[in-house]
Amino acid sequence: DEVADQIGEDSTIADRCAESVAAWAASTRALAELVESTQDDNNPLYFASTPSGCDALHAEVERWRAYSAAVNNAQTTRKSASAVALGAILKRNRRFVAAAQLDDGVTGPLQRAADACRD
């Protein structure tokens, strides 16, 4: 709220914030949705054609570790002080859709992806 108070109602800043949040939310949802389409051979998590053996197993484990790290990073970003300040700026400037994208728009998909990584 303090950051939003300092910025006040500045539509230029609010528009830039809204654009950034929309882009971040879209890429975060795309990241989270990878786990829901693991049968698609264009998906980096697709493994049906991976050869068997120890090297293949290690590659598969590393791929899922990297995916889990990316999902955790997105969750940390969403909960950060910067994201909270950004949300306050958006709400102060009546950019409610962008504020919702920052929080509610990615919470469910990220949680499903994190759950899949734990499995």
C-alpha atoms as a PDB file:
ATOM      1  CA  ASP A   1       0.000   0.000   0.000  1.00  0.00           C
ATOM      2  CA  GLU A   2       2.882   2.361   0.737  1.00  0.00           C
ATOM      3  CA  VAL A   3       4.204   2.038  -2.808  1.00  0.00           C
ATOM      4  CA  ALA A   4       0.718   2.534  -4.211  1.00  0.00           C
ATOM      5  CA  ASP A   5       0.320   5.635  -2.022  1.00  0.00           C
ATOM      6  CA  GLN A   6       3.562   7.079  -3.374  1.00  0.00           C
ATOM      7  CA  ILE A   7       2.590   6.441  -6.985  1.00  0.00           C
ATOM      8  CA  GLY A   8      -1.010   7.463  -6.553  1.00  0.00           C
ATOM      9  CA  GLU A   9      -3.301   7.307  -9.536  1.00  0.00           C
ATOM     10  CA  ASP A  10      -0.888   7.358 -12.453  1.00  0.00           C
ATOM     11  CA  SER A  11      -2.510   5.749 -15.463  1.00  0.00           C
ATOM     12  CA  THR A  12       0.763   5.438 -17.404  1.00  0.00           C
ATOM     13  CA  ILE A  13       2.418   3.415 -14.662  1.00  0.00           C
ATOM     14  CA  ALA A  14      -0.747   1.419 -14.054  1.00  0.00           C
ATOM     15  CA  ASP A  15      -1.011   0.568 -17.764  1.00  0.00           C
ATOM     16  CA  ARG A  16       2.607  -0.614 -17.847  1.00  0.00           C
ATOM     17  CA  CYS A  17       2.051  -2.665 -14.713  1.00  0.00           C
ATOM     18  CA  ALA A  18      -1.089  -4.214 -16.211  1.00  0.00           C
ATOM     19  CA  GLU A  19       0.767  -5.119 -19.427  1.00  0.00           C
ATOM     20  CA  SER A  20       3.606  -6.714 -17.470  1.00  0.00           C
ATOM     21  CA  VAL A  21       1.218  -8.687 -15.288  1.00  0.00           C
ATOM     22  CA  ALA A  22      -0.753  -9.924 -18.301  1.00  0.00           C
ATOM     23  CA  ALA A  23       2.432 -11.158 -19.982  1.00  0.00           C
ATOM     24  CA  TRP A  24       3.706 -12.773 -16.770  1.00  0.00           C
ATOM     25  CA  ALA A  25       0.351 -14.445 -16.084  1.00  0.00           C
ATOM     26  CA  ALA A  26       0.164 -15.831 -19.635  1.00  0.00           C
ATOM     27  CA  SER A  27       3.663 -17.296 -19.498  1.00  0.00           C
ATOM     28  CA  THR A  28       3.070 -18.654 -15.984  1.00  0.00           C
ATOM     29  CA  ARG A  29      -0.166 -20.354 -17.047  1.00  0.00           C
ATOM     30  CA  ALA A  30       1.640 -21.819 -20.076  1.00  0.00           C
ATOM     31  CA  LEU A  31       4.357 -23.166 -17.770  1.00  0.00           C
ATOM     32  CA  ALA A  32       1.804 -24.652 -15.381  1.00  0.00           C
ATOM     33  CA  GLU A  33      -0.214 -26.209 -18.206  1.00  0.00           C
ATOM     34  CA  LEU A  34       2.780 -28.183 -19.505  1.00  0.00           C
ATOM     35  CA  VAL A  35       2.090 -30.803 -16.876  1.00  0.00           C
ATOM     36  CA  GLU A  36      -1.460 -31.216 -18.178  1.00  0.00           C
ATOM     37  CA  SER A  37      -0.380 -32.124 -21.729  1.00  0.00           C
ATOM     38  CA  THR A  38       2.445 -34.604 -21.231  1.00  0.00           C
ATOM     39  CA  GLN A  39       1.187 -36.765 -24.116  1.00  0.00           C
ATOM     40  CA  ASP A  40       1.947 -34.024 -26.657  1.00  0.00           C
ATOM     41  CA  ASP A  41       5.295 -34.755 -28.317  1.00  0.00           C
ATOM     42  CA  ASN A  42       5.970 -30.995 -28.656  1.00  0.00           C
ATOM     43  CA  ASN A  43       5.864 -30.676 -24.866  1.00  0.00           C
ATOM     44  CA  PRO A  44       9.311 -30.623 -23.185  1.00  0.00           C
ATOM     45  CA  LEU A  45       7.910 -32.931 -20.490  1.00  0.00           C
ATOM     46  CA  TYR A  46       6.886 -35.543 -23.082  1.00  0.00           C
ATOM     47  CA  PHE A  47       8.807 -38.742 -22.494  1.00  0.00           C
ATOM     48  CA  ALA A  48       7.022 -41.536 -24.355  1.00  0.00           C
ATOM     49  CA  SER A  49       9.804 -41.761 -26.959  1.00  0.00           C
ATOM     50  CA  THR A  50      12.690 -41.492 -24.495  1.00  0.00           C
ATOM     51  CA  PRO A  51      15.019 -44.468 -24.761  1.00  0.00           C
ATOM     52  CA  SER A  52      15.271 -46.728 -21.757  1.00  0.00           C
ATOM     53  CA  GLY A  53      18.281 -47.095 -19.508  1.00  0.00           C
ATOM     54  CA  CYS A  54      20.041 -45.130 -16.805  1.00  0.00           C
ATOM     55  CA  ASP A  55      20.836 -42.117 -19.016  1.00  0.00           C
ATOM     56  CA  ALA A  56      17.199 -41.798 -19.992  1.00  0.00           C
ATOM     57  CA  LEU A  57      16.108 -42.079 -16.368  1.00  0.00           C
ATOM     58  CA  HIS A  58      18.585 -39.404 -15.278  1.00  0.00           C
ATOM     59  CA  ALA A  59      17.471 -37.117 -18.108  1.00  0.00           C
ATOM     60  CA  GLU A  60      13.839 -37.588 -17.098  1.00  0.00           C
ATOM     61  CA  VAL A  61      14.571 -36.825 -13.441  1.00  0.00           C
ATOM     62  CA  GLU A  62      16.546 -33.700 -14.380  1.00  0.00           C
ATOM     63  CA  ARG A  63      13.768 -32.497 -16.689  1.00  0.00           C
ATOM     64  CA  TRP A  64      11.204 -32.787 -13.877  1.00  0.00           C
ATOM     65  CA  ARG A  65      13.569 -31.142 -11.385  1.00  0.00           C
ATOM     66  CA  ALA A  66      14.009 -28.193 -13.739  1.00  0.00           C
ATOM     67  CA  TYR A  67      10.255 -27.984 -14.241  1.00  0.00           C
ATOM     68  CA  SER A  68       9.663 -28.111 -10.494  1.00  0.00           C
ATOM     69  CA  ALA A  69      12.218 -25.335  -9.950  1.00  0.00           C
ATOM     70  CA  ALA A  70      10.506 -23.158 -12.577  1.00  0.00           C
ATOM     71  CA  VAL A  71       7.091 -23.711 -10.973  1.00  0.00           C
ATOM     72  CA  ASN A  72       8.486 -22.939  -7.509  1.00  0.00           C
ATOM     73  CA  ASN A  73      10.129 -19.776  -8.861  1.00  0.00           C
ATOM     74  CA  ALA A  74       6.802 -18.628 -10.333  1.00  0.00           C
ATOM     75  CA  GLN A  75       5.058 -19.287  -7.011  1.00  0.00           C
ATOM     76  CA  THR A  76       7.736 -17.342  -5.117  1.00  0.00           C
ATOM     77  CA  THR A  77       7.444 -14.438  -7.557  1.00  0.00           C
ATOM     78  CA  ARG A  78       3.662 -14.384  -7.156  1.00  0.00           C
ATOM     79  CA  LYS A  79       3.993 -14.134  -3.367  1.00  0.00           C
ATOM     80  CA  SER A  80       6.890 -11.632  -3.317  1.00  0.00           C
ATOM     81  CA  ALA A  81       6.811  -8.126  -1.874  1.00  0.00           C
ATOM     82  CA  SER A  82       7.144  -6.764  -5.410  1.00  0.00           C
ATOM     83  CA  ALA A  83       4.049  -8.631  -6.528  1.00  0.00           C
ATOM     84  CA  VAL A  84       2.110  -7.381  -3.501  1.00  0.00           C
ATOM     85  CA  ALA A  85       3.146  -3.798  -4.289  1.00  0.00           C
ATOM     86  CA  LEU A  86       2.264  -4.302  -7.950  1.00  0.00           C
ATOM     87  CA  GLY A  87      -1.162  -5.618  -6.962  1.00  0.00           C
ATOM     88  CA  ALA A  88      -1.737  -2.576  -4.747  1.00  0.00           C
ATOM     89  CA  ILE A  89      -0.781  -0.220  -7.594  1.00  0.00           C
ATOM     90  CA  LEU A  90      -3.149  -2.007  -9.958  1.00  0.00           C
ATOM     91  CA  LYS A  91      -6.029  -1.931  -7.494  1.00  0.00           C
ATOM     92  CA  ARG A  92      -5.441   1.728  -6.643  1.00  0.00           C
ATOM     93  CA  ASN A  93      -5.632   2.531 -10.348  1.00  0.00           C
ATOM     94  CA  ARG A  94      -8.711   0.376 -10.900  1.00  0.00           C
ATOM     95  CA  ARG A  95      -6.944  -2.265 -12.992  1.00  0.00           C
ATOM     96  CA  PHE A  96      -8.862  -5.051 -11.275  1.00  0.00           C
ATOM     97  CA  VAL A  97      -8.570  -7.635 -14.061  1.00  0.00           C
ATOM     98  CA  ALA A  98      -4.771  -7.313 -14.067  1.00  0.00           C
ATOM     99  CA  ALA A  99      -4.699  -7.513 -10.260  1.00  0.00           C
ATOM    100  CA  ALA A 100      -6.772 -10.695 -10.399  1.00  0.00           C
ATOM    101  CA  GLN A 101      -4.404 -12.193 -13.002  1.00  0.00           C
ATOM    102  CA  LEU A 102      -1.507 -11.609 -10.649  1.00  0.00           C
ATOM    103  CA  ASP A 103      -3.142 -13.630  -7.918  1.00  0.00           C
ATOM    104  CA  ASP A 104      -6.192 -15.725  -8.718  1.00  0.00           C
ATOM    105  CA  GLY A 105      -5.408 -16.188 -12.406  1.00  0.00           C
ATOM    106  CA  VAL A 106      -2.354 -18.346 -11.793  1.00  0.00           C
ATOM    107  CA  THR A 107      -2.863 -19.806  -8.328  1.00  0.00           C
ATOM    108  CA  GLY A 108      -4.817 -22.912  -9.386  1.00  0.00           C
ATOM    109  CA  PRO A 109      -2.663 -23.891 -12.384  1.00  0.00           C
ATOM    110  CA  LEU A 110       0.563 -23.379 -10.410  1.00  0.00           C
ATOM    111  CA  GLN A 111      -0.708 -25.477  -7.522  1.00  0.00           C
ATOM    112  CA  ARG A 112      -1.722 -28.311  -9.863  1.00  0.00           C
ATOM    113  CA  ALA A 113       1.713 -28.182 -11.488  1.00  0.00           C
ATOM    114  CA  ALA A 114       3.468 -28.197  -8.101  1.00  0.00           C
ATOM    115  CA  ASP A 115       1.350 -31.160  -7.005  1.00  0.00           C
ATOM    116  CA  ALA A 116       2.276 -33.057 -10.186  1.00  0.00           C
ATOM    117  CA  CYS A 117       5.964 -32.397  -9.552  1.00  0.00           C
ATOM    118  CA  ARG A 118       5.665 -33.852  -6.068  1.00  0.00           C
ATOM    119  CA  ASP A 119       4.020 -36.981  -7.448  1.00  0.00           C
END
